[in-house]
């Protein structure tokens, strides 16, 4: 065990994907004695600030599959595909049953539930981890993400930005970082990273709409340097530079991006950036 500070819809794999199934209502944080589960970083099983996550690789991998779909059936075929991408052993279903048995023992030995079999239930055609989605950080992230979108749509920019910050603060690293991921969890991790990326864009957008232009220049310059072909991020940088009275810097940034896109991909900047560039030119024309 490790001491830690504690920091849906489904896709084709049967794991939660988009944000549509998460509630937009704020849910109270579970009491300290309630077990909580983390996916947004290393997989953790937290009780009273102690991480009880199993260290056996296949058991941890199976647990991650179940945590990602709380209260829902995880099909045994998905489990087999995840745990044995290169081909399952001959007695694969017996092996899965053995892993489930060890996972129930893990639940029982660490006092994570009064009855391990009522927490990890066999239900054809697979298994169900009977926990509340509110116990899993990814569902809290998705709820906060959705709240932020709703606040942004209502023009409540400061509150929206704070919502996105709270969502992003739940991340402690790449998703399921301590799991040897197969195809199912790898695809799920990619999807979660895209959700994180979008939350970051929207947090910056909320701050821009709230008038924090100069405050964002340094952050966006750093992000653009790390993501030189990200046109959406470049667009945000151009806007904050222009609103900060640094139109020449904005024009220089656009030229650098255009040259990079031409050299690396043989394409011009997207229509949105070209419109923004023309607006910068127009504003710089004394006849406009």
C-alpha atoms as a PDB file:
ATOM      1  CA  UNK A   1       0.000   0.000   0.000  1.00  0.00           C
ATOM      2  CA  UNK A   2       1.166   3.586  -0.617  1.00  0.00           C
ATOM      3  CA  UNK A   3       0.427   6.816   1.254  1.00  0.00           C
ATOM      4  CA  UNK A   4      -0.839   9.507  -1.101  1.00  0.00           C
ATOM      5  CA  UNK A   5      -1.900  13.110  -0.713  1.00  0.00           C
ATOM      6  CA  UNK A   6      -5.129  12.336  -2.523  1.00  0.00           C
ATOM      7  CA  UNK A   7      -4.803  14.715  -4.960  1.00  0.00           C
ATOM      8  CA  UNK A   8     -21.491   8.064 -20.066  1.00  0.00           C
ATOM      9  CA  UNK A   9     -21.694   7.337 -22.767  1.00  0.00           C
ATOM     10  CA  UNK A  10     -19.744   4.322 -23.943  1.00  0.00           C
ATOM     11  CA  UNK A  11     -17.400   3.900 -26.841  1.00  0.00           C
ATOM     12  CA  UNK A  12     -16.967   0.870 -29.045  1.00  0.00           C
ATOM     13  CA  UNK A  13     -14.991  -0.887 -26.311  1.00  0.00           C
ATOM     14  CA  UNK A  14     -17.847  -0.585 -23.819  1.00  0.00           C
ATOM     15  CA  UNK A  15     -15.980   1.993 -21.734  1.00  0.00           C
ATOM     16  CA  UNK A  16     -17.146   5.511 -20.867  1.00  0.00           C
ATOM     17  CA  UNK A  17     -16.259   7.958 -23.576  1.00  0.00           C
ATOM     18  CA  UNK A  18     -18.075  11.254 -24.041  1.00  0.00           C
ATOM     19  CA  UNK A  19     -19.488  13.675 -21.535  1.00  0.00           C
ATOM     20  CA  UNK A  20     -23.185  13.185 -22.210  1.00  0.00           C
ATOM     21  CA  UNK A  21     -23.916  10.713 -19.424  1.00  0.00           C
ATOM     22  CA  UNK A  22     -22.373  12.785 -16.654  1.00  0.00           C
ATOM     23  CA  UNK A  23     -24.579  14.928 -14.487  1.00  0.00           C
ATOM     24  CA  UNK A  24     -24.132  18.677 -14.551  1.00  0.00           C
ATOM     25  CA  UNK A  25     -25.179  18.944 -10.912  1.00  0.00           C
ATOM     26  CA  UNK A  26     -22.485  19.346  -8.311  1.00  0.00           C
ATOM     27  CA  UNK A  27     -22.124  16.233  -6.179  1.00  0.00           C
ATOM     28  CA  UNK A  28     -20.725  16.324  -2.644  1.00  0.00           C
ATOM     29  CA  UNK A  29     -17.276  14.846  -2.153  1.00  0.00           C
ATOM     30  CA  UNK A  30     -17.394  11.385  -0.581  1.00  0.00           C
ATOM     31  CA  UNK A  31     -16.445  11.224   3.109  1.00  0.00           C
ATOM     32  CA  UNK A  32     -12.853  10.286   3.875  1.00  0.00           C
ATOM     33  CA  UNK A  33     -13.777   6.720   4.859  1.00  0.00           C
ATOM     34  CA  UNK A  34     -15.442   6.080   1.489  1.00  0.00           C
ATOM     35  CA  UNK A  35     -13.226   4.346  -1.044  1.00  0.00           C
ATOM     36  CA  UNK A  36     -12.393   6.442  -4.089  1.00  0.00           C
ATOM     37  CA  UNK A  37     -10.732   5.429  -7.349  1.00  0.00           C
ATOM     38  CA  UNK A  38      -8.327   7.339  -9.576  1.00  0.00           C
ATOM     39  CA  UNK A  39      -7.689   6.838 -13.289  1.00  0.00           C
ATOM     40  CA  UNK A  40      -6.422  10.312 -14.254  1.00  0.00           C
ATOM     41  CA  UNK A  41      -2.820   9.427 -13.529  1.00  0.00           C
ATOM     42  CA  UNK A  42      -1.733   6.171 -11.882  1.00  0.00           C
ATOM     43  CA  UNK A  43      -4.621   3.892 -10.961  1.00  0.00           C
ATOM     44  CA  UNK A  44      -5.217   4.326  -7.248  1.00  0.00           C
ATOM     45  CA  UNK A  45      -7.652   2.845  -4.742  1.00  0.00           C
ATOM     46  CA  UNK A  46      -7.831   5.359  -1.911  1.00  0.00           C
ATOM     47  CA  UNK A  47      -9.210   4.908   1.584  1.00  0.00           C
ATOM     48  CA  UNK A  48      -8.352   7.361   4.373  1.00  0.00           C
ATOM     49  CA  UNK A  49      -5.530   8.769   2.252  1.00  0.00           C
ATOM     50  CA  UNK A  50      -3.905   5.372   1.728  1.00  0.00           C
ATOM     51  CA  UNK A  51      -3.510   3.855  -1.739  1.00  0.00           C
ATOM     52  CA  UNK A  52      -4.361   0.156  -1.747  1.00  0.00           C
ATOM     53  CA  UNK A  53      -4.050  -0.430  -5.512  1.00  0.00           C
ATOM     54  CA  UNK A  54      -2.828  -3.946  -6.288  1.00  0.00           C
ATOM     55  CA  UNK A  55       0.695  -4.281  -7.648  1.00  0.00           C
ATOM     56  CA  UNK A  56       0.215  -7.491  -9.669  1.00  0.00           C
ATOM     57  CA  UNK A  57       0.111  -6.204 -13.280  1.00  0.00           C
ATOM     58  CA  UNK A  58      -2.798  -8.281 -14.629  1.00  0.00           C
ATOM     59  CA  UNK A  59      -4.920  -7.732 -11.507  1.00  0.00           C
ATOM     60  CA  UNK A  60      -4.327  -3.974 -11.734  1.00  0.00           C
ATOM     61  CA  UNK A  61      -5.156  -4.046 -15.448  1.00  0.00           C
ATOM     62  CA  UNK A  62      -8.425  -5.879 -14.774  1.00  0.00           C
ATOM     63  CA  UNK A  63      -9.275  -3.463 -11.971  1.00  0.00           C
ATOM     64  CA  UNK A  64      -8.698  -0.482 -14.288  1.00  0.00           C
ATOM     65  CA  UNK A  65     -11.149  -1.979 -16.798  1.00  0.00           C
ATOM     66  CA  UNK A  66     -13.788  -2.290 -14.077  1.00  0.00           C
ATOM     67  CA  UNK A  67     -13.175   1.151 -12.549  1.00  0.00           C
ATOM     68  CA  UNK A  68     -13.625   2.750 -15.951  1.00  0.00           C
ATOM     69  CA  UNK A  69     -17.161   1.381 -16.128  1.00  0.00           C
ATOM     70  CA  UNK A  70     -18.586   1.565 -12.600  1.00  0.00           C
ATOM     71  CA  UNK A  71     -21.897  -0.167 -12.063  1.00  0.00           C
ATOM     72  CA  UNK A  72     -21.915  -1.480 -15.634  1.00  0.00           C
ATOM     73  CA  UNK A  73     -21.123  -4.871 -17.094  1.00  0.00           C
ATOM     74  CA  UNK A  74     -17.637  -5.211 -18.543  1.00  0.00           C
ATOM     75  CA  UNK A  75     -17.878  -7.974 -21.140  1.00  0.00           C
ATOM     76  CA  UNK A  76     -15.510 -10.891 -20.608  1.00  0.00           C
ATOM     77  CA  UNK A  77     -14.494 -10.693 -24.284  1.00  0.00           C
ATOM     78  CA  UNK A  78     -13.312  -7.092 -23.729  1.00  0.00           C
ATOM     79  CA  UNK A  79     -11.327  -8.244 -20.699  1.00  0.00           C
ATOM     80  CA  UNK A  80      -9.700 -11.038 -22.696  1.00  0.00           C
ATOM     81  CA  UNK A  81      -8.887  -8.666 -25.559  1.00  0.00           C
ATOM     82  CA  UNK A  82      -7.311  -6.198 -23.130  1.00  0.00           C
ATOM     83  CA  UNK A  83      -5.284  -8.649 -21.056  1.00  0.00           C
ATOM     84  CA  UNK A  84      -4.064 -10.869 -23.911  1.00  0.00           C
ATOM     85  CA  UNK A  85      -3.724  -8.735 -27.026  1.00  0.00           C
ATOM     86  CA  UNK A  86      -1.217 -11.151 -28.607  1.00  0.00           C
ATOM     87  CA  UNK A  87      -3.414 -14.192 -28.074  1.00  0.00           C
ATOM     88  CA  UNK A  88      -5.095 -15.621 -24.976  1.00  0.00           C
ATOM     89  CA  UNK A  89      -3.953 -18.793 -23.221  1.00  0.00           C
ATOM     90  CA  UNK A  90      -5.874 -22.002 -23.894  1.00  0.00           C
ATOM     91  CA  UNK A  91      -7.767 -21.852 -20.584  1.00  0.00           C
ATOM     92  CA  UNK A  92      -8.365 -18.115 -20.791  1.00  0.00           C
ATOM     93  CA  UNK A  93     -11.814 -18.005 -19.168  1.00  0.00           C
ATOM     94  CA  UNK A  94     -10.584 -20.023 -16.207  1.00  0.00           C
ATOM     95  CA  UNK A  95      -7.668 -17.604 -15.920  1.00  0.00           C
ATOM     96  CA  UNK A  96     -10.055 -14.629 -15.919  1.00  0.00           C
ATOM     97  CA  UNK A  97     -12.120 -16.285 -13.186  1.00  0.00           C
ATOM     98  CA  UNK A  98      -8.904 -16.738 -11.167  1.00  0.00           C
ATOM     99  CA  UNK A  99      -8.018 -13.051 -11.563  1.00  0.00           C
ATOM    100  CA  UNK A 100     -11.520 -12.081 -10.426  1.00  0.00           C
ATOM    101  CA  UNK A 101     -11.110 -14.347  -7.401  1.00  0.00           C
ATOM    102  CA  UNK A 102      -7.815 -12.613  -6.510  1.00  0.00           C
ATOM    103  CA  UNK A 103      -9.429  -9.206  -7.002  1.00  0.00           C
ATOM    104  CA  UNK A 104     -12.206 -10.157  -4.590  1.00  0.00           C
ATOM    105  CA  UNK A 105      -9.611 -11.278  -2.061  1.00  0.00           C
ATOM    106  CA  UNK A 106      -7.871  -7.938  -2.513  1.00  0.00           C
ATOM    107  CA  UNK A 107     -11.169  -6.129  -1.785  1.00  0.00           C
ATOM    108  CA  UNK A 108     -11.812  -8.270   1.287  1.00  0.00           C
ATOM    109  CA  UNK A 109      -8.298  -8.151   2.745  1.00  0.00           C
ATOM    110  CA  UNK A 110      -8.111  -4.353   2.498  1.00  0.00           C
ATOM    111  CA  UNK A 111     -11.603  -3.765   3.880  1.00  0.00           C
ATOM    112  CA  UNK A 112     -12.800  -1.970   0.754  1.00  0.00           C
ATOM    113  CA  UNK A 113     -16.308  -3.434   1.049  1.00  0.00           C
ATOM    114  CA  UNK A 114     -18.309  -5.357   3.623  1.00  0.00           C
ATOM    115  CA  UNK A 115     -18.816  -8.152   1.101  1.00  0.00           C
ATOM    116  CA  UNK A 116     -16.359  -8.533  -1.779  1.00  0.00           C
ATOM    117  CA  UNK A 117     -18.800 -10.572  -3.866  1.00  0.00           C
ATOM    118  CA  UNK A 118     -21.433  -7.859  -3.608  1.00  0.00           C
ATOM    119  CA  UNK A 119     -18.898  -5.271  -4.767  1.00  0.00           C
ATOM    120  CA  UNK A 120     -17.450  -7.299  -7.649  1.00  0.00           C
ATOM    121  CA  UNK A 121     -20.388  -9.160  -9.118  1.00  0.00           C
ATOM    122  CA  UNK A 122     -20.432 -11.866 -11.770  1.00  0.00           C
ATOM    123  CA  UNK A 123     -23.148 -10.949 -14.243  1.00  0.00           C
ATOM    124  CA  UNK A 124     -23.372 -12.486 -17.700  1.00  0.00           C
ATOM    125  CA  UNK A 125     -21.681 -11.811 -20.007  1.00  0.00           C
ATOM    126  CA  UNK A 126     -19.026 -10.380 -17.688  1.00  0.00           C
ATOM    127  CA  UNK A 127     -18.439  -8.613 -14.385  1.00  0.00           C
ATOM    128  CA  UNK A 128     -19.683  -5.486 -12.607  1.00  0.00           C
ATOM    129  CA  UNK A 129     -17.811  -3.350 -10.084  1.00  0.00           C
ATOM    130  CA  UNK A 130     -20.679  -2.006  -7.983  1.00  0.00           C
ATOM    131  CA  UNK A 131     -19.449   1.452  -7.042  1.00  0.00           C
ATOM    132  CA  UNK A 132     -20.921   4.912  -7.521  1.00  0.00           C
ATOM    133  CA  UNK A 133     -19.451   6.850 -10.491  1.00  0.00           C
ATOM    134  CA  UNK A 134     -18.944   9.753  -8.040  1.00  0.00           C
ATOM    135  CA  UNK A 135     -16.208   7.624  -6.425  1.00  0.00           C
ATOM    136  CA  UNK A 136     -14.155   7.711  -9.656  1.00  0.00           C
ATOM    137  CA  UNK A 137     -12.130  10.806 -10.551  1.00  0.00           C
ATOM    138  CA  UNK A 138     -12.779  10.570 -14.283  1.00  0.00           C
ATOM    139  CA  UNK A 139     -16.518  10.997 -13.766  1.00  0.00           C
ATOM    140  CA  UNK A 140     -15.927  13.997 -11.492  1.00  0.00           C
ATOM    141  CA  UNK A 141     -13.692  15.444 -14.227  1.00  0.00           C
ATOM    142  CA  UNK A 142     -16.391  14.938 -16.837  1.00  0.00           C
ATOM    143  CA  UNK A 143     -19.060  16.468 -14.605  1.00  0.00           C
ATOM    144  CA  UNK A 144     -16.920  19.565 -13.996  1.00  0.00           C
ATOM    145  CA  UNK A 145     -16.114  19.750 -17.703  1.00  0.00           C
ATOM    146  CA  UNK A 146     -19.803  19.777 -18.519  1.00  0.00           C
ATOM    147  CA  UNK A 147     -20.531  22.398 -15.851  1.00  0.00           C
ATOM    148  CA  UNK A 148     -17.781  24.571 -17.298  1.00  0.00           C
ATOM    149  CA  UNK A 149     -19.296  24.306 -20.773  1.00  0.00           C
ATOM    150  CA  UNK A 150     -22.709  25.321 -19.458  1.00  0.00           C
ATOM    151  CA  UNK A 151     -21.257  28.316 -17.584  1.00  0.00           C
ATOM    152  CA  UNK A 152     -19.267  29.347 -20.646  1.00  0.00           C
ATOM    153  CA  UNK A 153     -22.406  29.220 -22.791  1.00  0.00           C
ATOM    154  CA  UNK A 154     -24.149  31.472 -20.243  1.00  0.00           C
ATOM    155  CA  UNK A 155     -21.323  33.994 -20.322  1.00  0.00           C
ATOM    156  CA  UNK A 156     -20.188  33.298 -16.750  1.00  0.00           C
ATOM    157  CA  UNK A 157     -16.545  33.296 -17.759  1.00  0.00           C
ATOM    158  CA  UNK A 158     -14.807  33.448 -14.361  1.00  0.00           C
ATOM    159  CA  UNK A 159     -16.925  30.642 -12.920  1.00  0.00           C
ATOM    160  CA  UNK A 160     -16.428  28.573 -16.086  1.00  0.00           C
ATOM    161  CA  UNK A 161     -12.649  28.996 -15.887  1.00  0.00           C
ATOM    162  CA  UNK A 162     -12.666  27.920 -12.234  1.00  0.00           C
ATOM    163  CA  UNK A 163     -14.738  24.863 -13.129  1.00  0.00           C
ATOM    164  CA  UNK A 164     -12.271  23.829 -15.830  1.00  0.00           C
ATOM    165  CA  UNK A 165      -9.354  24.425 -13.432  1.00  0.00           C
ATOM    166  CA  UNK A 166     -10.967  22.157 -10.849  1.00  0.00           C
ATOM    167  CA  UNK A 167     -11.430  19.497 -13.532  1.00  0.00           C
ATOM    168  CA  UNK A 168      -7.820  19.749 -14.686  1.00  0.00           C
ATOM    169  CA  UNK A 169      -6.522  19.670 -11.104  1.00  0.00           C
ATOM    170  CA  UNK A 170      -7.806  16.092 -10.829  1.00  0.00           C
ATOM    171  CA  UNK A 171      -5.100  14.955 -13.250  1.00  0.00           C
ATOM    172  CA  UNK A 172      -1.779  13.760 -11.842  1.00  0.00           C
ATOM    173  CA  UNK A 173      -0.273  12.388 -15.059  1.00  0.00           C
ATOM    174  CA  UNK A 174      -1.163  10.320 -18.127  1.00  0.00           C
ATOM    175  CA  UNK A 175      -4.304   8.207 -17.557  1.00  0.00           C
ATOM    176  CA  UNK A 176      -3.803   4.704 -16.094  1.00  0.00           C
ATOM    177  CA  UNK A 177      -0.089   5.523 -16.022  1.00  0.00           C
ATOM    178  CA  UNK A 178       0.931   2.511 -13.903  1.00  0.00           C
ATOM    179  CA  UNK A 179      -0.962  -0.051 -16.019  1.00  0.00           C
ATOM    180  CA  UNK A 180       0.515  -2.142 -18.827  1.00  0.00           C
ATOM    181  CA  UNK A 181      -2.301  -1.193 -21.189  1.00  0.00           C
ATOM    182  CA  UNK A 182      -3.672  -3.398 -23.935  1.00  0.00           C
ATOM    183  CA  UNK A 183      -5.823  -2.169 -26.841  1.00  0.00           C
ATOM    184  CA  UNK A 184      -8.922  -1.348 -24.785  1.00  0.00           C
ATOM    185  CA  UNK A 185      -7.277   0.791 -22.115  1.00  0.00           C
ATOM    186  CA  UNK A 186      -4.881   2.343 -24.650  1.00  0.00           C
ATOM    187  CA  UNK A 187      -7.819   3.591 -26.722  1.00  0.00           C
ATOM    188  CA  UNK A 188      -9.581   4.770 -23.579  1.00  0.00           C
ATOM    189  CA  UNK A 189      -6.475   6.656 -22.477  1.00  0.00           C
ATOM    190  CA  UNK A 190      -6.217   8.445 -25.826  1.00  0.00           C
ATOM    191  CA  UNK A 191      -9.849   9.516 -25.511  1.00  0.00           C
ATOM    192  CA  UNK A 192      -9.321  10.823 -21.975  1.00  0.00           C
ATOM    193  CA  UNK A 193      -6.286  12.835 -23.094  1.00  0.00           C
ATOM    194  CA  UNK A 194      -8.414  14.461 -25.801  1.00  0.00           C
ATOM    195  CA  UNK A 195     -11.005  15.388 -23.152  1.00  0.00           C
ATOM    196  CA  UNK A 196      -8.230  16.883 -21.022  1.00  0.00           C
ATOM    197  CA  UNK A 197      -6.907  18.832 -24.011  1.00  0.00           C
ATOM    198  CA  UNK A 198     -10.358  20.214 -24.734  1.00  0.00           C
ATOM    199  CA  UNK A 199     -10.854  21.234 -21.101  1.00  0.00           C
ATOM    200  CA  UNK A 200      -7.546  23.105 -21.272  1.00  0.00           C
ATOM    201  CA  UNK A 201      -8.606  24.935 -24.450  1.00  0.00           C
ATOM    202  CA  UNK A 202     -11.922  25.880 -22.890  1.00  0.00           C
ATOM    203  CA  UNK A 203     -10.316  27.082 -19.655  1.00  0.00           C
ATOM    204  CA  UNK A 204      -8.096  29.418 -21.682  1.00  0.00           C
ATOM    205  CA  UNK A 205     -11.105  30.484 -23.766  1.00  0.00           C
ATOM    206  CA  UNK A 206     -13.019  31.347 -20.591  1.00  0.00           C
ATOM    207  CA  UNK A 207     -10.075  33.398 -19.332  1.00  0.00           C
ATOM    208  CA  UNK A 208      -9.789  35.194 -22.687  1.00  0.00           C
ATOM    209  CA  UNK A 209     -13.498  36.020 -22.614  1.00  0.00           C
ATOM    210  CA  UNK A 210     -13.033  37.240 -19.066  1.00  0.00           C
ATOM    211  CA  UNK A 211     -10.440  39.770 -20.244  1.00  0.00           C
ATOM    212  CA  UNK A 212      -7.286  38.093 -18.920  1.00  0.00           C
ATOM    213  CA  UNK A 213      -5.282  38.774 -22.076  1.00  0.00           C
ATOM    214  CA  UNK A 214      -1.888  39.884 -20.784  1.00  0.00           C
ATOM    215  CA  UNK A 215      -1.998  37.242 -18.060  1.00  0.00           C
ATOM    216  CA  UNK A 216      -2.289  34.487 -20.689  1.00  0.00           C
ATOM    217  CA  UNK A 217       0.543  35.507 -23.029  1.00  0.00           C
ATOM    218  CA  UNK A 218       3.292  33.619 -21.207  1.00  0.00           C
ATOM    219  CA  UNK A 219       1.245  30.449 -20.782  1.00  0.00           C
ATOM    220  CA  UNK A 220       0.151  30.405 -24.422  1.00  0.00           C
ATOM    221  CA  UNK A 221       3.662  31.087 -25.727  1.00  0.00           C
ATOM    222  CA  UNK A 222       4.859  28.088 -23.724  1.00  0.00           C
ATOM    223  CA  UNK A 223       2.008  25.899 -24.983  1.00  0.00           C
ATOM    224  CA  UNK A 224       2.596  26.920 -28.599  1.00  0.00           C
ATOM    225  CA  UNK A 225       6.298  26.132 -28.272  1.00  0.00           C
ATOM    226  CA  UNK A 226       5.381  22.657 -27.015  1.00  0.00           C
ATOM    227  CA  UNK A 227       2.644  22.190 -29.665  1.00  0.00           C
ATOM    228  CA  UNK A 228       3.956  24.039 -32.737  1.00  0.00           C
ATOM    229  CA  UNK A 229       1.285  22.708 -35.138  1.00  0.00           C
ATOM    230  CA  UNK A 230      -1.722  23.234 -32.870  1.00  0.00           C
ATOM    231  CA  UNK A 231      -3.678  25.850 -34.824  1.00  0.00           C
ATOM    232  CA  UNK A 232      -6.387  26.296 -32.203  1.00  0.00           C
ATOM    233  CA  UNK A 233      -3.776  27.187 -29.589  1.00  0.00           C
ATOM    234  CA  UNK A 234      -2.033  29.529 -32.032  1.00  0.00           C
ATOM    235  CA  UNK A 235      -5.360  31.267 -32.600  1.00  0.00           C
ATOM    236  CA  UNK A 236      -5.723  31.870 -28.875  1.00  0.00           C
ATOM    237  CA  UNK A 237      -2.189  33.278 -28.726  1.00  0.00           C
ATOM    238  CA  UNK A 238      -2.844  35.631 -31.643  1.00  0.00           C
ATOM    239  CA  UNK A 239      -5.965  36.927 -29.937  1.00  0.00           C
ATOM    240  CA  UNK A 240      -4.351  37.628 -26.560  1.00  0.00           C
ATOM    241  CA  UNK A 241      -1.370  39.310 -28.222  1.00  0.00           C
ATOM    242  CA  UNK A 242      -3.649  41.519 -30.294  1.00  0.00           C
ATOM    243  CA  UNK A 243      -5.801  42.414 -27.277  1.00  0.00           C
ATOM    244  CA  UNK A 244      -2.632  43.207 -25.306  1.00  0.00           C
ATOM    245  CA  UNK A 245      -1.551  45.800 -27.870  1.00  0.00           C
ATOM    246  CA  UNK A 246       1.082  43.496 -29.367  1.00  0.00           C
ATOM    247  CA  UNK A 247      -0.221  43.215 -32.903  1.00  0.00           C
ATOM    248  CA  UNK A 248       3.287  43.020 -34.413  1.00  0.00           C
ATOM    249  CA  UNK A 249       4.051  40.005 -32.196  1.00  0.00           C
ATOM    250  CA  UNK A 250       0.770  38.440 -33.270  1.00  0.00           C
ATOM    251  CA  UNK A 251       1.649  38.926 -36.939  1.00  0.00           C
ATOM    252  CA  UNK A 252       5.110  37.437 -36.390  1.00  0.00           C
ATOM    253  CA  UNK A 253       3.563  34.432 -34.627  1.00  0.00           C
ATOM    254  CA  UNK A 254       1.187  33.896 -37.544  1.00  0.00           C
ATOM    255  CA  UNK A 255       4.052  34.025 -40.072  1.00  0.00           C
ATOM    256  CA  UNK A 256       6.052  31.481 -38.065  1.00  0.00           C
ATOM    257  CA  UNK A 257       3.072  29.124 -37.938  1.00  0.00           C
ATOM    258  CA  UNK A 258       2.380  29.522 -41.669  1.00  0.00           C
ATOM    259  CA  UNK A 259       5.993  28.744 -42.529  1.00  0.00           C
ATOM    260  CA  UNK A 260       5.987  25.695 -40.235  1.00  0.00           C
ATOM    261  CA  UNK A 261       2.736  24.343 -41.715  1.00  0.00           C
ATOM    262  CA  UNK A 262       4.019  24.862 -45.260  1.00  0.00           C
ATOM    263  CA  UNK A 263       7.352  23.184 -44.536  1.00  0.00           C
ATOM    264  CA  UNK A 264       6.075  20.265 -42.459  1.00  0.00           C
ATOM    265  CA  UNK A 265       2.648  19.551 -43.964  1.00  0.00           C
ATOM    266  CA  UNK A 266       2.442  21.529 -47.188  1.00  0.00           C
ATOM    267  CA  UNK A 267      -0.764  23.281 -46.087  1.00  0.00           C
ATOM    268  CA  UNK A 268      -1.937  26.785 -45.259  1.00  0.00           C
ATOM    269  CA  UNK A 269      -3.314  27.774 -41.834  1.00  0.00           C
ATOM    270  CA  UNK A 270      -6.967  26.901 -41.252  1.00  0.00           C
ATOM    271  CA  UNK A 271      -9.736  29.265 -42.365  1.00  0.00           C
ATOM    272  CA  UNK A 272     -10.290  30.556 -38.829  1.00  0.00           C
ATOM    273  CA  UNK A 273      -6.658  31.633 -38.502  1.00  0.00           C
ATOM    274  CA  UNK A 274      -6.661  33.236 -41.929  1.00  0.00           C
ATOM    275  CA  UNK A 275      -9.734  35.274 -40.963  1.00  0.00           C
ATOM    276  CA  UNK A 276      -7.985  36.316 -37.754  1.00  0.00           C
ATOM    277  CA  UNK A 277      -4.879  37.282 -39.743  1.00  0.00           C
ATOM    278  CA  UNK A 278      -6.912  39.437 -42.107  1.00  0.00           C
ATOM    279  CA  UNK A 279      -8.538  41.122 -39.114  1.00  0.00           C
ATOM    280  CA  UNK A 280      -5.093  41.920 -37.710  1.00  0.00           C
ATOM    281  CA  UNK A 281      -4.056  43.404 -41.056  1.00  0.00           C
ATOM    282  CA  UNK A 282      -7.235  45.454 -41.249  1.00  0.00           C
ATOM    283  CA  UNK A 283      -6.773  46.838 -37.758  1.00  0.00           C
ATOM    284  CA  UNK A 284      -3.237  47.820 -38.645  1.00  0.00           C
ATOM    285  CA  UNK A 285      -4.321  49.736 -41.752  1.00  0.00           C
ATOM    286  CA  UNK A 286      -4.739  53.450 -40.963  1.00  0.00           C
ATOM    287  CA  UNK A 287      -7.448  53.645 -43.630  1.00  0.00           C
ATOM    288  CA  UNK A 288      -9.644  51.080 -41.824  1.00  0.00           C
END
